Amino acid sequence: MFRWAIIFAVIALIASLLGFGGVAGLSAEFAKILLLVAAVLLVLGFLFGRGKRIP
């Protein structure tokens, strides 16, 4: 999911350099949302992913 956030951020940068404001804004918003979701999932995975292990 971090990969998709980076891809959308790069698309937003390229689109803004080329003057496509609508595409750049939309791609930037997608990148923000994906980055937030990935970060939340990462934290939840660290907190709840490892249960008690019985040897």
PDB file of N, CA and C in Angstrom:
ATOM      1  N   MET A   1       0.811  -1.180   0.000  1.00  0.00           N
ATOM      2  CA  MET A   1       0.000   0.000   0.000  1.00  0.00           C
ATOM      3  C   MET A   1       0.868   1.263   0.000  1.00  0.00           C
ATOM      4  N   PHE A   2       2.044   1.173   0.658  1.00  0.00           N
ATOM      5  CA  PHE A   2       2.963   2.302   0.604  1.00  0.00           C
ATOM      6  C   PHE A   2       3.427   2.541  -0.830  1.00  0.00           C
ATOM      7  N   ARG A   3       3.567   1.466  -1.580  1.00  0.00           N
ATOM      8  CA  ARG A   3       3.995   1.596  -2.974  1.00  0.00           C
ATOM      9  C   ARG A   3       2.986   2.410  -3.780  1.00  0.00           C
ATOM     10  N   TRP A   4       1.690   2.136  -3.570  1.00  0.00           N
ATOM     11  CA  TRP A   4       0.657   2.874  -4.293  1.00  0.00           C
ATOM     12  C   TRP A   4       0.632   4.337  -3.879  1.00  0.00           C
ATOM     13  N   ALA A   5       0.869   4.599  -2.596  1.00  0.00           N
ATOM     14  CA  ALA A   5       0.913   5.992  -2.143  1.00  0.00           C
ATOM     15  C   ALA A   5       2.062   6.738  -2.807  1.00  0.00           C
ATOM     16  N   ILE A   6       3.210   6.091  -2.931  1.00  0.00           N
ATOM     17  CA  ILE A   6       4.354   6.727  -3.581  1.00  0.00           C
ATOM     18  C   ILE A   6       4.083   6.938  -5.065  1.00  0.00           C
ATOM     19  N   ILE A   7       3.450   5.956  -5.703  1.00  0.00           N
ATOM     20  CA  ILE A   7       3.127   6.090  -7.127  1.00  0.00           C
ATOM     21  C   ILE A   7       2.193   7.269  -7.355  1.00  0.00           C
ATOM     22  N   PHE A   8       1.143   7.401  -6.533  1.00  0.00           N
ATOM     23  CA  PHE A   8       0.224   8.522  -6.693  1.00  0.00           C
ATOM     24  C   PHE A   8       0.898   9.853  -6.390  1.00  0.00           C
ATOM     25  N   ALA A   9       1.829   9.869  -5.439  1.00  0.00           N
ATOM     26  CA  ALA A   9       2.552  11.111  -5.149  1.00  0.00           C
ATOM     27  C   ALA A   9       3.422  11.520  -6.338  1.00  0.00           C
ATOM     28  N   VAL A  10       4.070  10.556  -6.967  1.00  0.00           N
ATOM     29  CA  VAL A  10       4.894  10.858  -8.144  1.00  0.00           C
ATOM     30  C   VAL A  10       4.020  11.339  -9.295  1.00  0.00           C
ATOM     31  N   ILE A  11       2.869  10.695  -9.482  1.00  0.00           N
ATOM     32  CA  ILE A  11       1.938  11.143 -10.530  1.00  0.00           C
ATOM     33  C   ILE A  11       1.494  12.575 -10.262  1.00  0.00           C
ATOM     34  N   ALA A  12       1.218  12.891  -8.994  1.00  0.00           N
ATOM     35  CA  ALA A  12       0.803  14.252  -8.648  1.00  0.00           C
ATOM     36  C   ALA A  12       1.907  15.256  -8.941  1.00  0.00           C
ATOM     37  N   LEU A  13       3.153  14.898  -8.626  1.00  0.00           N
ATOM     38  CA  LEU A  13       4.265  15.808  -8.909  1.00  0.00           C
ATOM     39  C   LEU A  13       4.446  16.042 -10.403  1.00  0.00           C
ATOM     40  N   ILE A  14       4.386  14.970 -11.168  1.00  0.00           N
ATOM     41  CA  ILE A  14       4.563  15.104 -12.617  1.00  0.00           C
ATOM     42  C   ILE A  14       3.412  15.892 -13.228  1.00  0.00           C
ATOM     43  N   ALA A  15       2.192  15.606 -12.775  1.00  0.00           N
ATOM     44  CA  ALA A  15       1.036  16.316 -13.318  1.00  0.00           C
ATOM     45  C   ALA A  15       1.078  17.800 -12.961  1.00  0.00           C
ATOM     46  N   SER A  16       1.547  18.115 -11.761  1.00  0.00           N
ATOM     47  CA  SER A  16       1.631  19.531 -11.399  1.00  0.00           C
ATOM     48  C   SER A  16       2.707  20.252 -12.207  1.00  0.00           C
ATOM     49  N   LEU A  17       3.791  19.573 -12.515  1.00  0.00           N
ATOM     50  CA  LEU A  17       4.836  20.186 -13.350  1.00  0.00           C
ATOM     51  C   LEU A  17       4.349  20.424 -14.773  1.00  0.00           C
ATOM     52  N   LEU A  18       3.469  19.543 -15.252  1.00  0.00           N
ATOM     53  CA  LEU A  18       2.959  19.677 -16.614  1.00  0.00           C
ATOM     54  C   LEU A  18       1.727  20.579 -16.693  1.00  0.00           C
ATOM     55  N   GLY A  19       1.221  21.039 -15.542  1.00  0.00           N
ATOM     56  CA  GLY A  19       0.110  21.980 -15.553  1.00  0.00           C
ATOM     57  C   GLY A  19      -1.270  21.358 -15.437  1.00  0.00           C
ATOM     58  N   PHE A  20      -1.349  20.098 -15.122  1.00  0.00           N
ATOM     59  CA  PHE A  20      -2.642  19.442 -14.962  1.00  0.00           C
ATOM     60  C   PHE A  20      -3.048  19.514 -13.490  1.00  0.00           C
ATOM     61  N   GLY A  21      -3.665  20.609 -13.101  1.00  0.00           N
ATOM     62  CA  GLY A  21      -3.981  20.850 -11.699  1.00  0.00           C
ATOM     63  C   GLY A  21      -4.997  19.881 -11.120  1.00  0.00           C
ATOM     64  N   GLY A  22      -6.020  19.537 -11.900  1.00  0.00           N
ATOM     65  CA  GLY A  22      -7.056  18.630 -11.406  1.00  0.00           C
ATOM     66  C   GLY A  22      -6.521  17.234 -11.145  1.00  0.00           C
ATOM     67  N   VAL A  23      -5.736  16.739 -12.080  1.00  0.00           N
ATOM     68  CA  VAL A  23      -5.141  15.412 -11.925  1.00  0.00           C
ATOM     69  C   VAL A  23      -4.152  15.411 -10.771  1.00  0.00           C
ATOM     70  N   ALA A  24      -3.392  16.499 -10.648  1.00  0.00           N
ATOM     71  CA  ALA A  24      -2.401  16.592  -9.576  1.00  0.00           C
ATOM     72  C   ALA A  24      -3.077  16.612  -8.211  1.00  0.00           C
ATOM     73  N   GLY A  25      -4.144  17.373  -8.080  1.00  0.00           N
ATOM     74  CA  GLY A  25      -4.852  17.444  -6.807  1.00  0.00           C
ATOM     75  C   GLY A  25      -5.492  16.127  -6.428  1.00  0.00           C
ATOM     76  N   LEU A  26      -6.108  15.493  -7.402  1.00  0.00           N
ATOM     77  CA  LEU A  26      -6.764  14.209  -7.135  1.00  0.00           C
ATOM     78  C   LEU A  26      -5.740  13.140  -6.776  1.00  0.00           C
ATOM     79  N   SER A  27      -4.630  13.102  -7.481  1.00  0.00           N
ATOM     80  CA  SER A  27      -3.585  12.123  -7.180  1.00  0.00           C
ATOM     81  C   SER A  27      -2.964  12.384  -5.815  1.00  0.00           C
ATOM     82  N   ALA A  28      -2.808  13.639  -5.464  1.00  0.00           N
ATOM     83  CA  ALA A  28      -2.255  13.974  -4.151  1.00  0.00           C
ATOM     84  C   ALA A  28      -3.202  13.536  -3.040  1.00  0.00           C
ATOM     85  N   GLU A  29      -4.491  13.726  -3.239  1.00  0.00           N
ATOM     86  CA  GLU A  29      -5.465  13.288  -2.227  1.00  0.00           C
ATOM     87  C   GLU A  29      -5.451  11.763  -2.081  1.00  0.00           C
ATOM     88  N   PHE A  30      -5.393  11.052  -3.204  1.00  0.00           N
ATOM     89  CA  PHE A  30      -5.306   9.587  -3.139  1.00  0.00           C
ATOM     90  C   PHE A  30      -4.042   9.157  -2.406  1.00  0.00           C
ATOM     91  N   ALA A  31      -2.940   9.837  -2.668  1.00  0.00           N
ATOM     92  CA  ALA A  31      -1.686   9.494  -1.999  1.00  0.00           C
ATOM     93  C   ALA A  31      -1.798   9.710  -0.496  1.00  0.00           C
ATOM     94  N   LYS A  32      -2.410  10.811  -0.076  1.00  0.00           N
ATOM     95  CA  LYS A  32      -2.587  11.081   1.352  1.00  0.00           C
ATOM     96  C   LYS A  32      -3.447  10.017   2.013  1.00  0.00           C
ATOM     97  N   ILE A  33      -4.556   9.673   1.358  1.00  0.00           N
ATOM     98  CA  ILE A  33      -5.470   8.678   1.923  1.00  0.00           C
ATOM     99  C   ILE A  33      -4.792   7.322   2.028  1.00  0.00           C
ATOM    100  N   LEU A  34      -4.109   6.905   0.973  1.00  0.00           N
ATOM    101  CA  LEU A  34      -3.432   5.613   0.991  1.00  0.00           C
ATOM    102  C   LEU A  34      -2.310   5.578   2.018  1.00  0.00           C
ATOM    103  N   LEU A  35      -1.588   6.681   2.165  1.00  0.00           N
ATOM    104  CA  LEU A  35      -0.522   6.741   3.161  1.00  0.00           C
ATOM    105  C   LEU A  35      -1.092   6.640   4.570  1.00  0.00           C
ATOM    106  N   LEU A  36      -2.204   7.310   4.820  1.00  0.00           N
ATOM    107  CA  LEU A  36      -2.838   7.248   6.135  1.00  0.00           C
ATOM    108  C   LEU A  36      -3.347   5.844   6.437  1.00  0.00           C
ATOM    109  N   VAL A  37      -4.006   5.223   5.477  1.00  0.00           N
ATOM    110  CA  VAL A  37      -4.526   3.865   5.676  1.00  0.00           C
ATOM    111  C   VAL A  37      -3.380   2.878   5.893  1.00  0.00           C
ATOM    112  N   ALA A  38      -2.318   3.005   5.122  1.00  0.00           N
ATOM    113  CA  ALA A  38      -1.174   2.103   5.271  1.00  0.00           C
ATOM    114  C   ALA A  38      -0.509   2.282   6.633  1.00  0.00           C
ATOM    115  N   ALA A  39      -0.390   3.526   7.088  1.00  0.00           N
ATOM    116  CA  ALA A  39       0.220   3.765   8.392  1.00  0.00           C
ATOM    117  C   ALA A  39      -0.625   3.191   9.516  1.00  0.00           C
ATOM    118  N   VAL A  40      -1.940   3.354   9.425  1.00  0.00           N
ATOM    119  CA  VAL A  40      -2.837   2.797  10.448  1.00  0.00           C
ATOM    120  C   VAL A  40      -2.751   1.275  10.450  1.00  0.00           C
ATOM    121  N   LEU A  41      -2.764   0.671   9.278  1.00  0.00           N
ATOM    122  CA  LEU A  41      -2.657  -0.788   9.206  1.00  0.00           C
ATOM    123  C   LEU A  41      -1.319  -1.285   9.725  1.00  0.00           C
ATOM    124  N   LEU A  42      -0.258  -0.534   9.476  1.00  0.00           N
ATOM    125  CA  LEU A  42       1.054  -0.914   9.978  1.00  0.00           C
ATOM    126  C   LEU A  42       1.085  -0.882  11.504  1.00  0.00           C
ATOM    127  N   VAL A  43       0.548   0.171  12.078  1.00  0.00           N
ATOM    128  CA  VAL A  43       0.527   0.281  13.539  1.00  0.00           C
ATOM    129  C   VAL A  43      -0.356  -0.811  14.147  1.00  0.00           C
ATOM    130  N   LEU A  44      -1.515  -1.049  13.572  1.00  0.00           N
ATOM    131  CA  LEU A  44      -2.388  -2.103  14.085  1.00  0.00           C
ATOM    132  C   LEU A  44      -1.743  -3.478  13.947  1.00  0.00           C
ATOM    133  N   GLY A  45      -1.019  -3.677  12.867  1.00  0.00           N
ATOM    134  CA  GLY A  45      -0.317  -4.940  12.696  1.00  0.00           C
ATOM    135  C   GLY A  45       0.753  -5.152  13.746  1.00  0.00           C
ATOM    136  N   PHE A  46       1.463  -4.086  14.089  1.00  0.00           N
ATOM    137  CA  PHE A  46       2.482  -4.201  15.144  1.00  0.00           C
ATOM    138  C   PHE A  46       1.854  -4.431  16.504  1.00  0.00           C
ATOM    139  N   LEU A  47       0.732  -3.780  16.754  1.00  0.00           N
ATOM    140  CA  LEU A  47       0.107  -3.901  18.068  1.00  0.00           C
ATOM    141  C   LEU A  47      -0.608  -5.236  18.271  1.00  0.00           C
ATOM    142  N   PHE A  48      -1.365  -5.660  17.278  1.00  0.00           N
ATOM    143  CA  PHE A  48      -2.215  -6.830  17.447  1.00  0.00           C
ATOM    144  C   PHE A  48      -1.787  -8.045  16.640  1.00  0.00           C
ATOM    145  N   GLY A  49      -0.738  -7.930  15.863  1.00  0.00           N
ATOM    146  CA  GLY A  49      -0.341  -9.022  14.987  1.00  0.00           C
ATOM    147  C   GLY A  49       0.332 -10.170  15.701  1.00  0.00           C
ATOM    148  N   ARG A  50       0.984  -9.892  16.804  1.00  0.00           N
ATOM    149  CA  ARG A  50       1.709 -10.937  17.513  1.00  0.00           C
ATOM    150  C   ARG A  50       0.953 -11.292  18.779  1.00  0.00           C
ATOM    151  N   GLY A  51       0.316 -12.424  18.745  1.00  0.00           N
ATOM    152  CA  GLY A  51      -0.389 -12.889  19.935  1.00  0.00           C
ATOM    153  C   GLY A  51       0.550 -13.619  20.852  1.00  0.00           C
ATOM    154  N   LYS A  52       0.017 -14.115  21.941  1.00  0.00           N
ATOM    155  CA  LYS A  52       0.833 -14.882  22.868  1.00  0.00           C
ATOM    156  C   LYS A  52       1.177 -16.226  22.227  1.00  0.00           C
ATOM    157  N   ARG A  53       2.426 -16.512  22.214  1.00  0.00           N
ATOM    158  CA  ARG A  53       2.894 -17.763  21.602  1.00  0.00           C
ATOM    159  C   ARG A  53       3.097 -18.799  22.706  1.00  0.00           C
ATOM    160  N   ILE A  54       2.539 -19.966  22.482  1.00  0.00           N
ATOM    161  CA  ILE A  54       2.708 -21.055  23.435  1.00  0.00           C
ATOM    162  C   ILE A  54       3.846 -21.940  22.936  1.00  0.00           C
ATOM    163  N   PRO A  55       4.901 -22.100  23.749  1.00  0.00           N
ATOM    164  CA  PRO A  55       6.057 -22.900  23.279  1.00  0.00           C
ATOM    165  C   PRO A  55       5.764 -24.377  23.168  1.00  0.00           C
TER     166      PRO A  55
END
